[in-house]
PDB file of N, CA and C in Angstrom:
ATOM      1  N   MET A   1     -60.934  23.586 120.311  1.00  0.00           N
ATOM      2  CA  MET A   1     -59.863  24.554 120.348  1.00  0.00           C
ATOM      3  C   MET A   1     -59.645  25.174 118.969  1.00  0.00           C
ATOM      4  N   ILE A   2     -59.846  24.393 117.923  1.00  0.00           N
ATOM      5  CA  ILE A   2     -59.629  24.921 116.580  1.00  0.00           C
ATOM      6  C   ILE A   2     -60.662  25.993 116.267  1.00  0.00           C
ATOM      7  N   ALA A   3     -61.913  25.781 116.666  1.00  0.00           N
ATOM      8  CA  ALA A   3     -62.966  26.750 116.361  1.00  0.00           C
ATOM      9  C   ALA A   3     -62.821  28.019 117.186  1.00  0.00           C
ATOM     10  N   ALA A   4     -62.197  27.942 118.349  1.00  0.00           N
ATOM     11  CA  ALA A   4     -62.086  29.106 119.226  1.00  0.00           C
ATOM     12  C   ALA A   4     -60.817  29.919 118.980  1.00  0.00           C
ATOM     13  N   CYS A   5     -60.014  29.537 118.013  1.00  0.00           N
ATOM     14  CA  CYS A   5     -58.780  30.276 117.729  1.00  0.00           C
ATOM     15  C   CYS A   5     -59.091  31.552 116.971  1.00  0.00           C
ATOM     16  N   PHE A   6     -58.577  32.642 117.445  1.00  0.00           N
ATOM     17  CA  PHE A   6     -58.782  33.946 116.824  1.00  0.00           C
ATOM     18  C   PHE A   6     -57.431  34.447 116.343  1.00  0.00           C
ATOM     19  N   PRO A   7     -57.302  34.756 115.046  1.00  0.00           N
ATOM     20  CA  PRO A   7     -55.990  35.191 114.555  1.00  0.00           C
ATOM     21  C   PRO A   7     -55.622  36.590 115.037  1.00  0.00           C
ATOM     22  N   LEU A   8     -54.381  36.744 115.429  1.00  0.00           N
ATOM     23  CA  LEU A   8     -53.850  38.042 115.857  1.00  0.00           C
ATOM     24  C   LEU A   8     -53.196  38.739 114.669  1.00  0.00           C
ATOM     25  N   PRO A   9     -52.948  40.048 114.754  1.00  0.00           N
ATOM     26  CA  PRO A   9     -52.334  40.758 113.622  1.00  0.00           C
ATOM     27  C   PRO A   9     -50.974  40.202 113.197  1.00  0.00           C
ATOM     28  N   GLY A  10     -50.235  39.598 114.108  1.00  0.00           N
ATOM     29  CA  GLY A  10     -48.929  39.050 113.769  1.00  0.00           C
ATOM     30  C   GLY A  10     -48.988  37.706 113.079  1.00  0.00           C
ATOM     31  N   GLY A  11     -50.182  37.109 112.936  1.00  0.00           N
ATOM     32  CA  GLY A  11     -50.326  35.822 112.286  1.00  0.00           C
ATOM     33  C   GLY A  11     -50.446  34.655 113.246  1.00  0.00           C
ATOM     34  N   THR A  12     -50.219  34.878 114.532  1.00  0.00           N
ATOM     35  CA  THR A  12     -50.383  33.798 115.505  1.00  0.00           C
ATOM     36  C   THR A  12     -51.843  33.698 115.912  1.00  0.00           C
ATOM     37  N   LEU A  13     -52.176  32.640 116.621  1.00  0.00           N
ATOM     38  CA  LEU A  13     -53.543  32.422 117.073  1.00  0.00           C
ATOM     39  C   LEU A  13     -53.641  32.748 118.560  1.00  0.00           C
ATOM     40  N   LEU A  14     -54.757  33.371 118.963  1.00  0.00           N
ATOM     41  CA  LEU A  14     -54.896  33.884 120.319  1.00  0.00           C
ATOM     42  C   LEU A  14     -54.922  32.777 121.367  1.00  0.00           C
ATOM     43  N   LEU A  15     -55.836  31.825 121.270  1.00  0.00           N
ATOM     44  CA  LEU A  15     -55.971  30.808 122.309  1.00  0.00           C
ATOM     45  C   LEU A  15     -54.725  29.929 122.433  1.00  0.00           C
ATOM     46  N   PRO A  16     -54.155  29.423 121.323  1.00  0.00           N
ATOM     47  CA  PRO A  16     -52.913  28.657 121.473  1.00  0.00           C
ATOM     48  C   PRO A  16     -51.767  29.499 122.033  1.00  0.00           C
ATOM     49  N   ARG A  17     -51.732  30.771 121.702  1.00  0.00           N
ATOM     50  CA  ARG A  17     -50.670  31.642 122.220  1.00  0.00           C
ATOM     51  C   ARG A  17     -50.802  31.820 123.727  1.00  0.00           C
ATOM     52  N   LEU A  18     -52.044  31.869 124.222  1.00  0.00           N
ATOM     53  CA  LEU A  18     -52.256  32.037 125.667  1.00  0.00           C
ATOM     54  C   LEU A  18     -51.866  30.799 126.459  1.00  0.00           C
ATOM     55  N   VAL A  19     -52.071  29.609 125.885  1.00  0.00           N
ATOM     56  CA  VAL A  19     -51.767  28.386 126.631  1.00  0.00           C
ATOM     57  C   VAL A  19     -50.332  27.913 126.441  1.00  0.00           C
ATOM     58  N   SER A  20     -49.593  28.510 125.522  1.00  0.00           N
ATOM     59  CA  SER A  20     -48.200  28.108 125.293  1.00  0.00           C
ATOM     60  C   SER A  20     -47.271  28.828 126.264  1.00  0.00           C
ATOM     61  N   ASP A  21     -46.128  28.195 126.513  1.00  0.00           N
ATOM     62  CA  ASP A  21     -45.083  28.812 127.331  1.00  0.00           C
ATOM     63  C   ASP A  21     -44.329  29.796 126.446  1.00  0.00           C
ATOM     64  N   HIS A  22     -44.330  31.068 126.807  1.00  0.00           N
ATOM     65  CA  HIS A  22     -43.775  32.098 125.932  1.00  0.00           C
ATOM     66  C   HIS A  22     -42.255  32.057 125.833  1.00  0.00           C
ATOM     67  N   GLU A  23     -41.578  31.507 126.828  1.00  0.00           N
ATOM     68  CA  GLU A  23     -40.116  31.470 126.786  1.00  0.00           C
ATOM     69  C   GLU A  23     -39.583  30.232 126.075  1.00  0.00           C
ATOM     70  N   HIS A  24     -40.097  29.063 126.424  1.00  0.00           N
ATOM     71  CA  HIS A  24     -39.498  27.827 125.954  1.00  0.00           C
ATOM     72  C   HIS A  24     -40.174  27.238 124.719  1.00  0.00           C
ATOM     73  N   ALA A  25     -41.482  27.369 124.611  1.00  0.00           N
ATOM     74  CA  ALA A  25     -42.196  26.772 123.480  1.00  0.00           C
ATOM     75  C   ALA A  25     -43.365  27.672 123.082  1.00  0.00           C
ATOM     76  N   PRO A  26     -43.089  28.797 122.416  1.00  0.00           N
ATOM     77  CA  PRO A  26     -44.172  29.739 122.115  1.00  0.00           C
ATOM     78  C   PRO A  26     -45.178  29.227 121.088  1.00  0.00           C
ATOM     79  N   TYR A  27     -44.792  28.292 120.237  1.00  0.00           N
ATOM     80  CA  TYR A  27     -45.699  27.797 119.199  1.00  0.00           C
ATOM     81  C   TYR A  27     -46.126  26.354 119.428  1.00  0.00           C
ATOM     82  N   PHE A  28     -46.013  25.859 120.660  1.00  0.00           N
ATOM     83  CA  PHE A  28     -46.323  24.453 120.936  1.00  0.00           C
ATOM     84  C   PHE A  28     -47.784  24.121 120.646  1.00  0.00           C
ATOM     85  N   ALA A  29     -48.720  24.962 121.066  1.00  0.00           N
ATOM     86  CA  ALA A  29     -50.142  24.675 120.850  1.00  0.00           C
ATOM     87  C   ALA A  29     -50.500  24.749 119.368  1.00  0.00           C
ATOM     88  N   GLU A  30     -49.909  25.673 118.618  1.00  0.00           N
ATOM     89  CA  GLU A  30     -50.170  25.744 117.189  1.00  0.00           C
ATOM     90  C   GLU A  30     -49.630  24.507 116.472  1.00  0.00           C
ATOM     91  N   ILE A  31     -48.482  24.013 116.906  1.00  0.00           N
ATOM     92  CA  ILE A  31     -47.930  22.792 116.319  1.00  0.00           C
ATOM     93  C   ILE A  31     -48.820  21.601 116.653  1.00  0.00           C
ATOM     94  N   SER A  32     -49.400  21.585 117.847  1.00  0.00           N
ATOM     95  CA  SER A  32     -50.321  20.504 118.222  1.00  0.00           C
ATOM     96  C   SER A  32     -51.562  20.515 117.345  1.00  0.00           C
ATOM     97  N   ILE A  33     -52.095  21.703 117.058  1.00  0.00           N
ATOM     98  CA  ILE A  33     -53.255  21.801 116.166  1.00  0.00           C
ATOM     99  C   ILE A  33     -52.885  21.317 114.764  1.00  0.00           C
ATOM    100  N   LEU A  34     -51.727  21.727 114.275  1.00  0.00           N
ATOM    101  CA  LEU A  34     -51.272  21.290 112.957  1.00  0.00           C
ATOM    102  C   LEU A  34     -51.105  19.774 112.909  1.00  0.00           C
ATOM    103  N   HIS A  35     -50.588  19.200 113.977  1.00  0.00           N
ATOM    104  CA  HIS A  35     -50.428  17.745 114.036  1.00  0.00           C
ATOM    105  C   HIS A  35     -51.786  17.046 113.990  1.00  0.00           C
ATOM    106  N   GLN A  36     -52.767  17.546 114.751  1.00  0.00           N
ATOM    107  CA  GLN A  36     -54.098  16.937 114.757  1.00  0.00           C
ATOM    108  C   GLN A  36     -54.767  17.033 113.388  1.00  0.00           C
ATOM    109  N   LEU A  37     -54.542  18.134 112.688  1.00  0.00           N
ATOM    110  CA  LEU A  37     -55.141  18.296 111.359  1.00  0.00           C
ATOM    111  C   LEU A  37     -54.454  17.449 110.296  1.00  0.00           C
ATOM    112  N   SER A  38     -53.199  17.073 110.519  1.00  0.00           N
ATOM    113  CA  SER A  38     -52.456  16.330 109.502  1.00  0.00           C
ATOM    114  C   SER A  38     -52.567  14.815 109.657  1.00  0.00           C
ATOM    115  N   ILE A  39     -53.173  14.327 110.728  1.00  0.00           N
ATOM    116  CA  ILE A  39     -53.315  12.879 110.924  1.00  0.00           C
ATOM    117  C   ILE A  39     -54.391  12.351 109.980  1.00  0.00           C
ATOM    118  N   LEU A  40     -54.042  11.326 109.220  1.00  0.00           N
ATOM    119  CA  LEU A  40     -55.005  10.697 108.325  1.00  0.00           C
ATOM    120  C   LEU A  40     -55.751   9.591 109.068  1.00  0.00           C
ATOM    121  N   PRO A  41     -57.048   9.436 108.826  1.00  0.00           N
ATOM    122  CA  PRO A  41     -57.782   8.359 109.491  1.00  0.00           C
ATOM    123  C   PRO A  41     -57.393   7.000 108.925  1.00  0.00           C
ATOM    124  N   ASN A  42     -57.642   5.951 109.713  1.00  0.00           N
ATOM    125  CA  ASN A  42     -57.375   4.589 109.248  1.00  0.00           C
ATOM    126  C   ASN A  42     -58.308   4.260 108.089  1.00  0.00           C
ATOM    127  N   LYS A  43     -57.894   3.363 107.234  1.00  0.00           N
ATOM    128  CA  LYS A  43     -58.676   3.021 106.037  1.00  0.00           C
ATOM    129  C   LYS A  43     -60.089   2.510 106.369  1.00  0.00           C
ATOM    130  N   PRO A  44     -60.286   1.550 107.301  1.00  0.00           N
ATOM    131  CA  PRO A  44     -61.649   1.058 107.543  1.00  0.00           C
ATOM    132  C   PRO A  44     -62.577   2.127 108.123  1.00  0.00           C
ATOM    133  N   ARG A  45     -62.031   3.075 108.857  1.00  0.00           N
ATOM    134  CA  ARG A  45     -62.874   4.062 109.520  1.00  0.00           C
ATOM    135  C   ARG A  45     -63.008   5.347 108.708  1.00  0.00           C
ATOM    136  N   ALA A  46     -62.413   5.404 107.522  1.00  0.00           N
ATOM    137  CA  ALA A  46     -62.421   6.641 106.738  1.00  0.00           C
ATOM    138  C   ALA A  46     -63.834   7.045 106.331  1.00  0.00           C
ATOM    139  N   GLU A  47     -64.692   6.079 105.991  1.00  0.00           N
ATOM    140  CA  GLU A  47     -66.049   6.407 105.579  1.00  0.00           C
ATOM    141  C   GLU A  47     -66.860   6.944 106.758  1.00  0.00           C
ATOM    142  N   LYS A  48     -66.656   6.380 107.930  1.00  0.00           N
ATOM    143  CA  LYS A  48     -67.390   6.847 109.107  1.00  0.00           C
ATOM    144  C   LYS A  48     -66.941   8.246 109.522  1.00  0.00           C
ATOM    145  N   ALA A  49     -65.653   8.515 109.393  1.00  0.00           N
ATOM    146  CA  ALA A  49     -65.147   9.832 109.773  1.00  0.00           C
ATOM    147  C   ALA A  49     -65.667  10.914 108.832  1.00  0.00           C
ATOM    148  N   ALA A  50     -65.841  10.574 107.573  1.00  0.00           N
ATOM    149  CA  ALA A  50     -66.322  11.555 106.609  1.00  0.00           C
ATOM    150  C   ALA A  50     -67.791  11.904 106.850  1.00  0.00           C
ATOM    151  N   LEU A  51     -68.546  11.001 107.453  1.00  0.00           N
ATOM    152  CA  LEU A  51     -69.972  11.217 107.680  1.00  0.00           C
ATOM    153  C   LEU A  51     -70.288  11.727 109.089  1.00  0.00           C
ATOM    154  N   ALA A  52     -69.279  11.998 109.871  1.00  0.00           N
ATOM    155  CA  ALA A  52     -69.504  12.440 111.249  1.00  0.00           C
ATOM    156  C   ALA A  52     -70.146  13.828 111.256  1.00  0.00           C
ATOM    157  N   PRO A  53     -71.131  14.040 112.141  1.00  0.00           N
ATOM    158  CA  PRO A  53     -71.769  15.368 112.202  1.00  0.00           C
ATOM    159  C   PRO A  53     -70.855  16.396 112.857  1.00  0.00           C
ATOM    160  N   ILE A  54     -71.103  17.651 112.550  1.00  0.00           N
ATOM    161  CA  ILE A  54     -70.331  18.736 113.153  1.00  0.00           C
ATOM    162  C   ILE A  54     -70.840  18.939 114.579  1.00  0.00           C
ATOM    163  N   PRO A  55     -69.949  19.002 115.575  1.00  0.00           N
ATOM    164  CA  PRO A  55     -70.384  19.156 116.964  1.00  0.00           C
ATOM    165  C   PRO A  55     -71.114  20.480 117.198  1.00  0.00           C
ATOM    166  N   LEU A  56     -72.018  20.483 118.186  1.00  0.00           N
ATOM    167  CA  LEU A  56     -72.788  21.684 118.502  1.00  0.00           C
ATOM    168  C   LEU A  56     -71.913  22.822 119.004  1.00  0.00           C
ATOM    169  N   CYS A  57     -70.821  22.500 119.692  1.00  0.00           N
ATOM    170  CA  CYS A  57     -69.946  23.566 120.194  1.00  0.00           C
ATOM    171  C   CYS A  57     -69.327  24.351 119.039  1.00  0.00           C
ATOM    172  N   THR A  58     -69.098  23.708 117.900  1.00  0.00           N
ATOM    173  CA  THR A  58     -68.568  24.408 116.735  1.00  0.00           C
ATOM    174  C   THR A  58     -69.574  25.425 116.218  1.00  0.00           C
ATOM    175  N   TRP A  59     -70.845  25.028 116.144  1.00  0.00           N
ATOM    176  CA  TRP A  59     -71.887  25.957 115.699  1.00  0.00           C
ATOM    177  C   TRP A  59     -72.065  27.090 116.708  1.00  0.00           C
ATOM    178  N   TYR A  60     -71.912  26.788 117.990  1.00  0.00           N
ATOM    179  CA  TYR A  60     -72.026  27.822 119.026  1.00  0.00           C
ATOM    180  C   TYR A  60     -70.927  28.874 118.871  1.00  0.00           C
ATOM    181  N   VAL A  61     -69.697  28.427 118.693  1.00  0.00           N
ATOM    182  CA  VAL A  61     -68.575  29.358 118.541  1.00  0.00           C
ATOM    183  C   VAL A  61     -68.724  30.161 117.251  1.00  0.00           C
ATOM    184  N   LEU A  62     -69.131  29.514 116.167  1.00  0.00           N
ATOM    185  CA  LEU A  62     -69.322  30.221 114.907  1.00  0.00           C
ATOM    186  C   LEU A  62     -70.440  31.259 115.001  1.00  0.00           C
ATOM    187  N   SER A  63     -71.499  30.952 115.752  1.00  0.00           N
ATOM    188  CA  SER A  63     -72.582  31.934 115.899  1.00  0.00           C
ATOM    189  C   SER A  63     -72.125  33.132 116.726  1.00  0.00           C
ATOM    190  N   ILE A  64     -71.301  32.904 117.733  1.00  0.00           N
ATOM    191  CA  ILE A  64     -70.764  34.026 118.520  1.00  0.00           C
ATOM    192  C   ILE A  64     -69.852  34.891 117.644  1.00  0.00           C
ATOM    193  N   GLU A  65     -69.011  34.253 116.826  1.00  0.00           N
ATOM    194  CA  GLU A  65     -68.140  35.015 115.934  1.00  0.00           C
ATOM    195  C   GLU A  65     -68.944  35.785 114.897  1.00  0.00           C
ATOM    196  N   ALA A  66     -70.016  35.198 114.382  1.00  0.00           N
ATOM    197  CA  ALA A  66     -70.861  35.897 113.406  1.00  0.00           C
ATOM    198  C   ALA A  66     -71.570  37.083 114.049  1.00  0.00           C
ATOM    199  N   ALA A  67     -72.034  36.912 115.284  1.00  0.00           N
ATOM    200  CA  ALA A  67     -72.683  38.021 115.981  1.00  0.00           C
ATOM    201  C   ALA A  67     -71.688  39.155 116.248  1.00  0.00           C
ATOM    202  N   ALA A  68     -70.474  38.809 116.643  1.00  0.00           N
ATOM    203  CA  ALA A  68     -69.455  39.830 116.877  1.00  0.00           C
ATOM    204  C   ALA A  68     -69.108  40.551 115.580  1.00  0.00           C
ATOM    205  N   LEU A  69     -69.036  39.824 114.483  1.00  0.00           N
ATOM    206  CA  LEU A  69     -68.763  40.443 113.189  1.00  0.00           C
ATOM    207  C   LEU A  69     -69.895  41.384 112.786  1.00  0.00           C
ATOM    208  N   ALA A  70     -71.142  40.976 113.034  1.00  0.00           N
ATOM    209  CA  ALA A  70     -72.281  41.832 112.703  1.00  0.00           C
ATOM    210  C   ALA A  70     -72.255  43.114 113.526  1.00  0.00           C
ATOM    211  N   VAL A  71     -71.917  43.014 114.796  1.00  0.00           N
ATOM    212  CA  VAL A  71     -71.833  44.204 115.650  1.00  0.00           C
ATOM    213  C   VAL A  71     -70.715  45.130 115.166  1.00  0.00           C
ATOM    214  N   LEU A  72     -69.562  44.563 114.835  1.00  0.00           N
ATOM    215  CA  LEU A  72     -68.453  45.384 114.339  1.00  0.00           C
ATOM    216  C   LEU A  72     -68.786  46.066 113.021  1.00  0.00           C
ATOM    217  N   LEU A  73     -69.455  45.357 112.127  1.00  0.00           N
ATOM    218  CA  LEU A  73     -69.860  45.965 110.864  1.00  0.00           C
ATOM    219  C   LEU A  73     -70.866  47.085 111.083  1.00  0.00           C
ATOM    220  N   PHE A  74     -71.787  46.882 112.021  1.00  0.00           N
ATOM    221  CA  PHE A  74     -72.770  47.916 112.343  1.00  0.00           C
ATOM    222  C   PHE A  74     -72.074  49.160 112.899  1.00  0.00           C
ATOM    223  N   ILE A  75     -71.114  48.951 113.785  1.00  0.00           N
ATOM    224  CA  ILE A  75     -70.376  50.078 114.366  1.00  0.00           C
ATOM    225  C   ILE A  75     -69.584  50.813 113.280  1.00  0.00           C
ATOM    226  N   CYS A  76     -68.923  50.073 112.398  1.00  0.00           N
ATOM    227  CA  CYS A  76     -68.158  50.707 111.315  1.00  0.00           C
ATOM    228  C   CYS A  76     -69.083  51.497 110.391  1.00  0.00           C
ATOM    229  N   LYS A  77     -70.232  50.932 110.092  1.00  0.00           N
ATOM    230  CA  LYS A  77     -71.182  51.629 109.223  1.00  0.00           C
ATOM    231  C   LYS A  77     -71.672  52.919 109.874  1.00  0.00           C
ATOM    232  N   ARG A  78     -71.973  52.857 111.159  1.00  0.00           N
ATOM    233  CA  ARG A  78     -72.438  54.047 111.871  1.00  0.00           C
ATOM    234  C   ARG A  78     -71.336  55.107 111.932  1.00  0.00           C
ATOM    235  N   LEU A  79     -70.099  54.688 112.127  1.00  0.00           N
ATOM    236  CA  LEU A  79     -68.999  55.642 112.159  1.00  0.00           C
ATOM    237  C   LEU A  79     -68.776  56.289 110.794  1.00  0.00           C
ATOM    238  N   LEU A  80     -68.902  55.507 109.723  1.00  0.00           N
ATOM    239  CA  LEU A  80     -68.743  56.069 108.391  1.00  0.00           C
ATOM    240  C   LEU A  80     -69.856  57.054 108.073  1.00  0.00           C
ATOM    241  N   ILE A  81     -71.076  56.725 108.454  1.00  0.00           N
ATOM    242  CA  ILE A  81     -72.197  57.636 108.218  1.00  0.00           C
ATOM    243  C   ILE A  81     -72.016  58.902 109.056  1.00  0.00           C
ATOM    244  N   PHE A  82     -71.587  58.741 110.298  1.00  0.00           N
ATOM    245  CA  PHE A  82     -71.400  59.884 111.178  1.00  0.00           C
ATOM    246  C   PHE A  82     -70.287  60.801 110.662  1.00  0.00           C
ATOM    247  N   ASN A  83     -69.226  60.231 110.134  1.00  0.00           N
ATOM    248  CA  ASN A  83     -68.107  61.040 109.634  1.00  0.00           C
ATOM    249  C   ASN A  83     -68.416  61.716 108.304  1.00  0.00           C
ATOM    250  N   ASN A  84     -69.357  61.186 107.535  1.00  0.00           N
ATOM    251  CA  ASN A  84     -69.708  61.801 106.259  1.00  0.00           C
ATOM    252  C   ASN A  84     -70.625  63.007 106.422  1.00  0.00           C
ATOM    253  N   ILE A  85     -71.308  63.138 107.544  1.00  0.00           N
ATOM    254  CA  ILE A  85     -72.183  64.286 107.785  1.00  0.00           C
ATOM    255  C   ILE A  85     -71.312  65.460 108.220  1.00  0.00           C
ATOM    256  N   LYS A  86     -71.336  66.508 107.444  1.00  0.00           N
ATOM    257  CA  LYS A  86     -70.520  67.671 107.747  1.00  0.00           C
ATOM    258  C   LYS A  86     -71.402  68.767 108.356  1.00  0.00           C
ATOM    259  N   PRO A  87     -70.954  69.353 109.437  1.00  0.00           N
ATOM    260  CA  PRO A  87     -71.763  70.406 110.036  1.00  0.00           C
ATOM    261  C   PRO A  87     -71.771  71.661 109.159  1.00  0.00           C
ATOM    262  N   THR A  88     -72.889  72.322 109.127  1.00  0.00           N
ATOM    263  CA  THR A  88     -72.998  73.569 108.356  1.00  0.00           C
ATOM    264  C   THR A  88     -72.701  74.751 109.248  1.00  0.00           C
ATOM    265  N   LEU A  89     -71.933  75.663 108.740  1.00  0.00           N
ATOM    266  CA  LEU A  89     -71.609  76.874 109.488  1.00  0.00           C
ATOM    267  C   LEU A  89     -72.667  77.938 109.211  1.00  0.00           C
ATOM    268  N   VAL A  90     -73.174  78.532 110.253  1.00  0.00           N
ATOM    269  CA  VAL A  90     -74.216  79.551 110.109  1.00  0.00           C
ATOM    270  C   VAL A  90     -73.612  80.928 110.193  1.00  0.00           C
TER     271      VAL A  90
END
């Protein structure tokens, strides 16, 4: 869930915002993510947690985000090039 969160212009995250109740607890999922990130591991297991591999789903989501960013940059570049070409009047 952390890797799939997309920030919105208002500063909230898209996926947690969609799963939260908008009337009673609009930031419940974001608070849950913050809680999971703030938990410290137990002392005996701290070395094992530090050496844990990154899950494949994280790399999958990051590759999709990188591909989307590349497409957006390509579109922006094409629009800038297209707007810089001025038609000549005959």
